[in-house]
Full PDB file with SEQRES, HELIX, SHEET, SSBOND, CRYST1, ORIGX, SCALE, CONECT and MASTER records, all heavy atoms in Angstrom:
SEQRES   1 A   30  LEU HIS LEU ALA VAL SER LEU THR ARG THR PRO SER ASP          
SEQRES   2 A   30  VAL CYS ASP GLU LEU TYR GLY GLU LEU ARG LYS ARG PHE          
SEQRES   3 A   30  SER GLU ARG ALA                                              
HELIX    1 AA1 HIS A    2  THR A    8  1                                   7    
HELIX    2 AA2 ASP A   16  ARG A   25  1                                  10    
CRYST1    1.000    1.000    1.000  90.00  90.00  90.00 P 1           1          
ORIGX1      1.000000  0.000000  0.000000        0.00000                         
ORIGX2      0.000000  1.000000  0.000000        0.00000                         
ORIGX3      0.000000  0.000000  1.000000        0.00000                         
SCALE1      1.000000  0.000000  0.000000        0.00000                         
SCALE2      0.000000  1.000000  0.000000        0.00000                         
SCALE3      0.000000  0.000000  1.000000        0.00000                         
ATOM      1  N   LEU A   1     116.972 112.868  91.287  1.00  0.00           N  
ATOM      2  CA  LEU A   1     115.792 112.223  90.700  1.00  0.00           C  
ATOM      3  C   LEU A   1     115.283 111.100  91.598  1.00  0.00           C  
ATOM      4  O   LEU A   1     114.071 110.925  91.748  1.00  0.00           O  
ATOM      5  CB  LEU A   1     116.106 111.710  89.292  1.00  0.00           C  
ATOM      6  CG  LEU A   1     116.245 112.810  88.249  1.00  0.00           C  
ATOM      7  CD1 LEU A   1     116.848 112.263  86.956  1.00  0.00           C  
ATOM      8  CD2 LEU A   1     114.906 113.478  87.974  1.00  0.00           C  
ATOM      9  N   HIS A   2     116.184 110.370  92.241  1.00  0.00           N  
ATOM     10  CA  HIS A   2     115.753 109.344  93.211  1.00  0.00           C  
ATOM     11  C   HIS A   2     115.019 110.012  94.373  1.00  0.00           C  
ATOM     12  O   HIS A   2     114.006 109.493  94.860  1.00  0.00           O  
ATOM     13  CB  HIS A   2     116.940 108.544  93.731  1.00  0.00           C  
ATOM     14  CG  HIS A   2     117.344 107.429  92.840  1.00  0.00           C  
ATOM     15  ND1 HIS A   2     116.582 106.293  92.662  1.00  0.00           N  
ATOM     16  CD2 HIS A   2     118.445 107.264  92.069  1.00  0.00           C  
ATOM     17  CE1 HIS A   2     117.186 105.485  91.819  1.00  0.00           C  
ATOM     18  NE2 HIS A   2     118.322 106.054  91.433  1.00  0.00           N  
ATOM     19  N   LEU A   3     115.526 111.166  94.818  1.00  0.00           N  
ATOM     20  CA  LEU A   3     114.845 111.899  95.882  1.00  0.00           C  
ATOM     21  C   LEU A   3     113.453 112.323  95.434  1.00  0.00           C  
ATOM     22  O   LEU A   3     112.475 112.154  96.165  1.00  0.00           O  
ATOM     23  CB  LEU A   3     115.676 113.123  96.289  1.00  0.00           C  
ATOM     24  CG  LEU A   3     115.059 114.041  97.339  1.00  0.00           C  
ATOM     25  CD1 LEU A   3     114.834 113.300  98.655  1.00  0.00           C  
ATOM     26  CD2 LEU A   3     115.936 115.273  97.542  1.00  0.00           C  
ATOM     27  N   ALA A   4     113.347 112.842  94.222  1.00  0.00           N  
ATOM     28  CA  ALA A   4     112.046 113.272  93.703  1.00  0.00           C  
ATOM     29  C   ALA A   4     111.064 112.103  93.636  1.00  0.00           C  
ATOM     30  O   ALA A   4     109.902 112.235  94.018  1.00  0.00           O  
ATOM     31  CB  ALA A   4     112.213 113.907  92.327  1.00  0.00           C  
ATOM     32  N   VAL A   5     111.534 110.959  93.170  1.00  0.00           N  
ATOM     33  CA  VAL A   5     110.671 109.773  93.104  1.00  0.00           C  
ATOM     34  C   VAL A   5     110.230 109.376  94.508  1.00  0.00           C  
ATOM     35  O   VAL A   5     109.053 109.087  94.752  1.00  0.00           O  
ATOM     36  CB  VAL A   5     111.395 108.607  92.389  1.00  0.00           C  
ATOM     37  CG1 VAL A   5     110.642 107.303  92.567  1.00  0.00           C  
ATOM     38  CG2 VAL A   5     111.591 108.928  90.912  1.00  0.00           C  
ATOM     39  N   SER A   6     111.161 109.372  95.454  1.00  0.00           N  
ATOM     40  CA  SER A   6     110.837 108.978  96.832  1.00  0.00           C  
ATOM     41  C   SER A   6     109.815 109.921  97.460  1.00  0.00           C  
ATOM     42  O   SER A   6     108.919 109.483  98.182  1.00  0.00           O  
ATOM     43  CB  SER A   6     112.100 108.949  97.683  1.00  0.00           C  
ATOM     44  OG  SER A   6     112.977 107.949  97.238  1.00  0.00           O  
ATOM     45  N   LEU A   7     109.958 111.214  97.193  1.00  0.00           N  
ATOM     46  CA  LEU A   7     109.045 112.185  97.787  1.00  0.00           C  
ATOM     47  C   LEU A   7     107.700 112.238  97.084  1.00  0.00           C  
ATOM     48  O   LEU A   7     106.713 112.719  97.645  1.00  0.00           O  
ATOM     49  CB  LEU A   7     109.688 113.578  97.777  1.00  0.00           C  
ATOM     50  CG  LEU A   7     110.861 113.764  98.728  1.00  0.00           C  
ATOM     51  CD1 LEU A   7     111.532 115.105  98.488  1.00  0.00           C  
ATOM     52  CD2 LEU A   7     110.408 113.628 100.174  1.00  0.00           C  
ATOM     53  N   THR A   8     107.631 111.751  95.864  1.00  0.00           N  
ATOM     54  CA  THR A   8     106.395 111.798  95.093  1.00  0.00           C  
ATOM     55  C   THR A   8     105.498 110.603  95.375  1.00  0.00           C  
ATOM     56  O   THR A   8     104.282 110.672  95.233  1.00  0.00           O  
ATOM     57  CB  THR A   8     106.724 111.896  93.586  1.00  0.00           C  
ATOM     58  OG1 THR A   8     107.533 113.057  93.386  1.00  0.00           O  
ATOM     59  CG2 THR A   8     105.491 112.009  92.730  1.00  0.00           C  
ATOM     60  N   ARG A   9     106.089 109.510  95.795  1.00  0.00           N  
ATOM     61  CA  ARG A   9     105.287 108.316  96.119  1.00  0.00           C  
ATOM     62  C   ARG A   9     104.385 108.583  97.312  1.00  0.00           C  
ATOM     63  O   ARG A   9     104.651 109.434  98.136  1.00  0.00           O  
ATOM     64  CB  ARG A   9     106.216 107.149  96.435  1.00  0.00           C  
ATOM     65  CG  ARG A   9     106.908 106.611  95.224  1.00  0.00           C  
ATOM     66  CD  ARG A   9     107.540 105.262  95.531  1.00  0.00           C  
ATOM     67  NE  ARG A   9     108.073 104.716  94.300  1.00  0.00           N  
ATOM     68  CZ  ARG A   9     109.340 104.385  94.120  1.00  0.00           C  
ATOM     69  NH1 ARG A   9     110.200 104.518  95.100  1.00  0.00           N  
ATOM     70  NH2 ARG A   9     109.743 103.902  92.970  1.00  0.00           N  
ATOM     71  N   THR A  10     103.328 107.793  97.394  1.00  0.00           N  
ATOM     72  CA  THR A  10     102.428 107.865  98.538  1.00  0.00           C  
ATOM     73  C   THR A  10     102.406 106.509  99.213  1.00  0.00           C  
ATOM     74  O   THR A  10     102.051 105.532  98.562  1.00  0.00           O  
ATOM     75  CB  THR A  10     101.004 108.253  98.085  1.00  0.00           C  
ATOM     76  OG1 THR A  10     101.084 109.509  97.403  1.00  0.00           O  
ATOM     77  CG2 THR A  10     100.068 108.356  99.250  1.00  0.00           C  
ATOM     78  N   PRO A  11     102.810 106.394 100.457  1.00  0.00           N  
ATOM     79  CA  PRO A  11     103.372 107.467 101.273  1.00  0.00           C  
ATOM     80  C   PRO A  11     104.814 107.768 100.855  1.00  0.00           C  
ATOM     81  O   PRO A  11     105.515 106.889 100.347  1.00  0.00           O  
ATOM     82  CB  PRO A  11     103.318 106.901 102.685  1.00  0.00           C  
ATOM     83  CG  PRO A  11     103.419 105.423 102.508  1.00  0.00           C  
ATOM     84  CD  PRO A  11     102.741 105.128 101.193  1.00  0.00           C  
ATOM     85  N   SER A  12     105.226 109.002 101.071  1.00  0.00           N  
ATOM     86  CA  SER A  12     106.595 109.376 100.724  1.00  0.00           C  
ATOM     87  C   SER A  12     107.553 108.836 101.774  1.00  0.00           C  
ATOM     88  O   SER A  12     107.212 108.738 102.951  1.00  0.00           O  
ATOM     89  CB  SER A  12     106.724 110.893 100.611  1.00  0.00           C  
ATOM     90  OG  SER A  12     106.424 111.506 101.842  1.00  0.00           O  
ATOM     91  N   ASP A  13     108.735 108.462 101.325  1.00  0.00           N  
ATOM     92  CA  ASP A  13     109.736 107.918 102.243  1.00  0.00           C  
ATOM     93  C   ASP A  13     111.110 108.070 101.602  1.00  0.00           C  
ATOM     94  O   ASP A  13     111.315 107.644 100.468  1.00  0.00           O  
ATOM     95  CB  ASP A  13     109.451 106.443 102.538  1.00  0.00           C  
ATOM     96  CG  ASP A  13     110.453 105.865 103.515  1.00  0.00           C  
ATOM     97  OD1 ASP A  13     110.805 106.558 104.490  1.00  0.00           O  
ATOM     98  OD2 ASP A  13     110.900 104.733 103.294  1.00  0.00           O  
ATOM     99  N   VAL A  14     112.018 108.679 102.321  1.00  0.00           N  
ATOM    100  CA  VAL A  14     113.406 108.779 101.878  1.00  0.00           C  
ATOM    101  C   VAL A  14     114.209 107.855 102.781  1.00  0.00           C  
ATOM    102  O   VAL A  14     114.364 108.115 103.975  1.00  0.00           O  
ATOM    103  CB  VAL A  14     113.926 110.230 101.969  1.00  0.00           C  
ATOM    104  CG1 VAL A  14     115.382 110.309 101.546  1.00  0.00           C  
ATOM    105  CG2 VAL A  14     113.065 111.148 101.125  1.00  0.00           C  
ATOM    106  N   CYS A  15     114.687 106.755 102.199  1.00  0.00           N  
ATOM    107  CA  CYS A  15     115.400 105.768 103.004  1.00  0.00           C  
ATOM    108  C   CYS A  15     116.752 106.327 103.479  1.00  0.00           C  
ATOM    109  O   CYS A  15     117.295 107.275 102.892  1.00  0.00           O  
ATOM    110  CB  CYS A  15     115.596 104.470 102.219  1.00  0.00           C  
ATOM    111  SG  CYS A  15     116.737 104.607 100.822  1.00  0.00           S  
ATOM    112  N   ASP A  16     117.273 105.739 104.542  1.00  0.00           N  
ATOM    113  CA  ASP A  16     118.539 106.191 105.125  1.00  0.00           C  
ATOM    114  C   ASP A  16     119.686 106.123 104.124  1.00  0.00           C  
ATOM    115  O   ASP A  16     120.559 106.993 104.116  1.00  0.00           O  
ATOM    116  CB  ASP A  16     118.881 105.354 106.361  1.00  0.00           C  
ATOM    117  CG  ASP A  16     117.915 105.602 107.510  1.00  0.00           C  
ATOM    118  OD1 ASP A  16     117.251 106.665 107.508  1.00  0.00           O  
ATOM    119  OD2 ASP A  16     117.827 104.741 108.393  1.00  0.00           O  
ATOM    120  N   GLU A  17     119.700 105.097 103.286  1.00  0.00           N  
ATOM    121  CA  GLU A  17     120.768 104.945 102.305  1.00  0.00           C  
ATOM    122  C   GLU A  17     120.776 106.110 101.307  1.00  0.00           C  
ATOM    123  O   GLU A  17     121.827 106.695 101.027  1.00  0.00           O  
ATOM    124  CB  GLU A  17     120.621 103.620 101.563  1.00  0.00           C  
ATOM    125  CG  GLU A  17     121.712 103.374 100.553  1.00  0.00           C  
ATOM    126  CD  GLU A  17     121.519 102.066  99.801  1.00  0.00           C  
ATOM    127  OE1 GLU A  17     120.652 101.253 100.169  1.00  0.00           O  
ATOM    128  OE2 GLU A  17     122.258 101.871  98.828  1.00  0.00           O  
ATOM    129  N   LEU A  18     119.611 106.453 100.781  1.00  0.00           N  
ATOM    130  CA  LEU A  18     119.519 107.567  99.839  1.00  0.00           C  
ATOM    131  C   LEU A  18     119.902 108.872 100.528  1.00  0.00           C  
ATOM    132  O   LEU A  18     120.679 109.669  99.992  1.00  0.00           O  
ATOM    133  CB  LEU A  18     118.110 107.676  99.246  1.00  0.00           C  
ATOM    134  CG  LEU A  18     117.848 108.880  98.342  1.00  0.00           C  
ATOM    135  CD1 LEU A  18     118.821 108.923  97.169  1.00  0.00           C  
ATOM    136  CD2 LEU A  18     116.404 108.869  97.854  1.00  0.00           C  
ATOM    137  N   TYR A  19     119.396 109.089 101.724  1.00  0.00           N  
ATOM    138  CA  TYR A  19     119.715 110.314 102.447  1.00  0.00           C  
ATOM    139  C   TYR A  19     121.218 110.409 102.713  1.00  0.00           C  
ATOM    140  O   TYR A  19     121.818 111.486 102.561  1.00  0.00           O  
ATOM    141  CB  TYR A  19     118.935 110.376 103.763  1.00  0.00           C  
ATOM    142  CG  TYR A  19     119.152 111.666 104.502  1.00  0.00           C  
ATOM    143  CD1 TYR A  19     118.582 112.846 104.052  1.00  0.00           C  
ATOM    144  CD2 TYR A  19     119.944 111.713 105.644  1.00  0.00           C  
ATOM    145  CE1 TYR A  19     118.786 114.044 104.720  1.00  0.00           C  
ATOM    146  CE2 TYR A  19     120.157 112.899 106.319  1.00  0.00           C  
ATOM    147  CZ  TYR A  19     119.583 114.053 105.848  1.00  0.00           C  
ATOM    148  OH  TYR A  19     119.800 115.243 106.504  1.00  0.00           O  
ATOM    149  N   GLY A  20     121.839 109.295 103.057  1.00  0.00           N  
ATOM    150  CA  GLY A  20     123.288 109.281 103.285  1.00  0.00           C  
ATOM    151  C   GLY A  20     124.073 109.654 102.041  1.00  0.00           C  
ATOM    152  O   GLY A  20     125.047 110.412 102.109  1.00  0.00           O  
ATOM    153  N   GLU A  21     123.649 109.128 100.890  1.00  0.00           N  
ATOM    154  CA  GLU A  21     124.317 109.456  99.624  1.00  0.00           C  
ATOM    155  C   GLU A  21     124.116 110.926  99.270  1.00  0.00           C  
ATOM    156  O   GLU A  21     125.031 111.595  98.781  1.00  0.00           O  
ATOM    157  CB  GLU A  21     123.808 108.566  98.493  1.00  0.00           C  
ATOM    158  CG  GLU A  21     124.284 107.124  98.589  1.00  0.00           C  
ATOM    159  CD  GLU A  21     125.802 107.010  98.545  1.00  0.00           C  
ATOM    160  OE1 GLU A  21     126.434 107.664  97.684  1.00  0.00           O  
ATOM    161  OE2 GLU A  21     126.359 106.288  99.384  1.00  0.00           O  
ATOM    162  N   LEU A  22     122.922 111.438  99.504  1.00  0.00           N  
ATOM    163  CA  LEU A  22     122.651 112.854  99.247  1.00  0.00           C  
ATOM    164  C   LEU A  22     123.518 113.741 100.140  1.00  0.00           C  
ATOM    165  O   LEU A  22     124.072 114.742  99.676  1.00  0.00           O  
ATOM    166  CB  LEU A  22     121.171 113.156  99.480  1.00  0.00           C  
ATOM    167  CG  LEU A  22     120.206 112.618  98.431  1.00  0.00           C  
ATOM    168  CD1 LEU A  22     118.787 112.570  98.974  1.00  0.00           C  
ATOM    169  CD2 LEU A  22     120.266 113.452  97.162  1.00  0.00           C  
ATOM    170  N   ARG A  23     123.676 113.362 101.413  1.00  0.00           N  
ATOM    171  CA  ARG A  23     124.493 114.147 102.352  1.00  0.00           C  
ATOM    172  C   ARG A  23     125.966 114.165 101.961  1.00  0.00           C  
ATOM    173  O   ARG A  23     126.674 115.118 102.256  1.00  0.00           O  
ATOM    174  CB  ARG A  23     124.372 113.589 103.773  1.00  0.00           C  
ATOM    175  CG  ARG A  23     123.079 113.862 104.489  1.00  0.00           C  
ATOM    176  CD  ARG A  23     122.790 115.347 104.665  1.00  0.00           C  
ATOM    177  NE  ARG A  23     123.873 116.086 105.252  1.00  0.00           N  
ATOM    178  CZ  ARG A  23     123.867 116.647 106.444  1.00  0.00           C  
ATOM    179  NH1 ARG A  23     122.813 116.523 107.200  1.00  0.00           N  
ATOM    180  NH2 ARG A  23     124.891 117.332 106.875  1.00  0.00           N  
ATOM    181  N   LYS A  24     126.422 113.120 101.286  1.00  0.00           N  
ATOM    182  CA  LYS A  24     127.816 113.080 100.835  1.00  0.00           C  
ATOM    183  C   LYS A  24     128.075 114.091  99.712  1.00  0.00           C  
ATOM    184  O   LYS A  24     129.190 114.575  99.558  1.00  0.00           O  
ATOM    185  CB  LYS A  24     128.181 111.687 100.317  1.00  0.00           C  
ATOM    186  CG  LYS A  24     128.295 110.636 101.385  1.00  0.00           C  
ATOM    187  CD  LYS A  24     128.612 109.298 100.741  1.00  0.00           C  
ATOM    188  CE  LYS A  24     128.570 108.175 101.758  1.00  0.00           C  
ATOM    189  NZ  LYS A  24     128.768 106.855 101.123  1.00  0.00           N  
ATOM    190  N   ARG A  25     127.067 114.390  98.925  1.00  0.00           N  
ATOM    191  CA  ARG A  25     127.246 115.219  97.725  1.00  0.00           C  
ATOM    192  C   ARG A  25     126.672 116.624  97.834  1.00  0.00           C  
ATOM    193  O   ARG A  25     127.026 117.491  97.055  1.00  0.00           O  
ATOM    194  CB  ARG A  25     126.614 114.526  96.530  1.00  0.00           C  
ATOM    195  CG  ARG A  25     127.158 113.133  96.374  1.00  0.00           C  
ATOM    196  CD  ARG A  25     127.336 112.784  94.987  1.00  0.00           C  
ATOM    197  NE  ARG A  25     127.763 111.383  94.923  1.00  0.00           N  
ATOM    198  CZ  ARG A  25     128.241 110.845  93.877  1.00  0.00           C  
ATOM    199  NH1 ARG A  25     128.367 111.550  92.787  1.00  0.00           N  
ATOM    200  NH2 ARG A  25     128.611 109.589  93.876  1.00  0.00           N  
ATOM    201  N   PHE A  26     125.740 116.835  98.775  1.00  0.00           N  
ATOM    202  CA  PHE A  26     125.080 118.132  98.875  1.00  0.00           C  
ATOM    203  C   PHE A  26     125.148 118.647 100.310  1.00  0.00           C  
ATOM    204  O   PHE A  26     125.056 117.869 101.258  1.00  0.00           O  
ATOM    205  CB  PHE A  26     123.607 118.030  98.454  1.00  0.00           C  
ATOM    206  CG  PHE A  26     123.407 117.606  97.032  1.00  0.00           C  
ATOM    207  CD1 PHE A  26     123.125 116.278  96.720  1.00  0.00           C  
ATOM    208  CD2 PHE A  26     123.505 118.520  95.993  1.00  0.00           C  
ATOM    209  CE1 PHE A  26     122.951 115.879  95.406  1.00  0.00           C  
ATOM    210  CE2 PHE A  26     123.337 118.130  94.674  1.00  0.00           C  
ATOM    211  CZ  PHE A  26     123.052 116.811  94.376  1.00  0.00           C  
ATOM    212  N   SER A  27     125.244 119.948 100.446  1.00  0.00           N  
ATOM    213  CA  SER A  27     125.215 120.566 101.774  1.00  0.00           C  
ATOM    214  C   SER A  27     123.794 120.476 102.328  1.00  0.00           C  
ATOM    215  O   SER A  27     122.832 120.235 101.586  1.00  0.00           O  
ATOM    216  CB  SER A  27     125.636 122.033 101.678  1.00  0.00           C  
ATOM    217  OG  SER A  27     124.653 122.776 100.964  1.00  0.00           O  
ATOM    218  N   GLU A  28     123.672 120.713 103.626  1.00  0.00           N  
ATOM    219  CA  GLU A  28     122.348 120.703 104.244  1.00  0.00           C  
ATOM    220  C   GLU A  28     121.473 121.787 103.622  1.00  0.00           C  
ATOM    221  O   GLU A  28     120.290 121.567 103.348  1.00  0.00           O  
ATOM    222  CB  GLU A  28     122.462 120.919 105.753  1.00  0.00           C  
ATOM    223  CG  GLU A  28     121.140 120.812 106.472  1.00  0.00           C  
ATOM    224  CD  GLU A  28     121.281 120.858 107.977  1.00  0.00           C  
ATOM    225  OE1 GLU A  28     122.417 120.897 108.482  1.00  0.00           O  
ATOM    226  OE2 GLU A  28     120.235 120.855 108.645  1.00  0.00           O  
ATOM    227  N   ARG A  29     122.055 122.932 103.352  1.00  0.00           N  
ATOM    228  CA  ARG A  29     121.322 124.032 102.730  1.00  0.00           C  
ATOM    229  C   ARG A  29     120.798 123.636 101.344  1.00  0.00           C  
ATOM    230  O   ARG A  29     119.649 123.912 101.000  1.00  0.00           O  
ATOM    231  CB  ARG A  29     122.235 125.245 102.629  1.00  0.00           C  
ATOM    232  CG  ARG A  29     121.570 126.460 102.105  1.00  0.00           C  
ATOM    233  CD  ARG A  29     122.536 127.628 102.073  1.00  0.00           C  
ATOM    234  NE  ARG A  29     121.823 128.830 101.763  1.00  0.00           N  
ATOM    235  CZ  ARG A  29     122.106 130.009 102.234  1.00  0.00           C  
ATOM    236  NH1 ARG A  29     123.125 130.151 103.047  1.00  0.00           N  
ATOM    237  NH2 ARG A  29     121.389 131.050 101.889  1.00  0.00           N  
ATOM    238  N   ALA A  30     121.642 122.976 100.554  1.00  0.00           N  
ATOM    239  CA  ALA A  30     121.232 122.536  99.217  1.00  0.00           C  
ATOM    240  C   ALA A  30     120.122 121.493  99.316  1.00  0.00           C  
ATOM    241  O   ALA A  30     119.175 121.510  98.519  1.00  0.00           O  
ATOM    242  CB  ALA A  30     122.423 121.987  98.445  1.00  0.00           C  
TER     243      ALA A  30                                                      
MASTER        0    0    0    2    0    0    0    6  242    1    0    3          
END                                                                             
């Protein structure tokens, strides 16, 4: 949901911290 919020904002931006947390829990494919 944090990813969805980040991608929905204008301009969209996924910060390094969020991306790092996502990479810990999800595969690159996911």
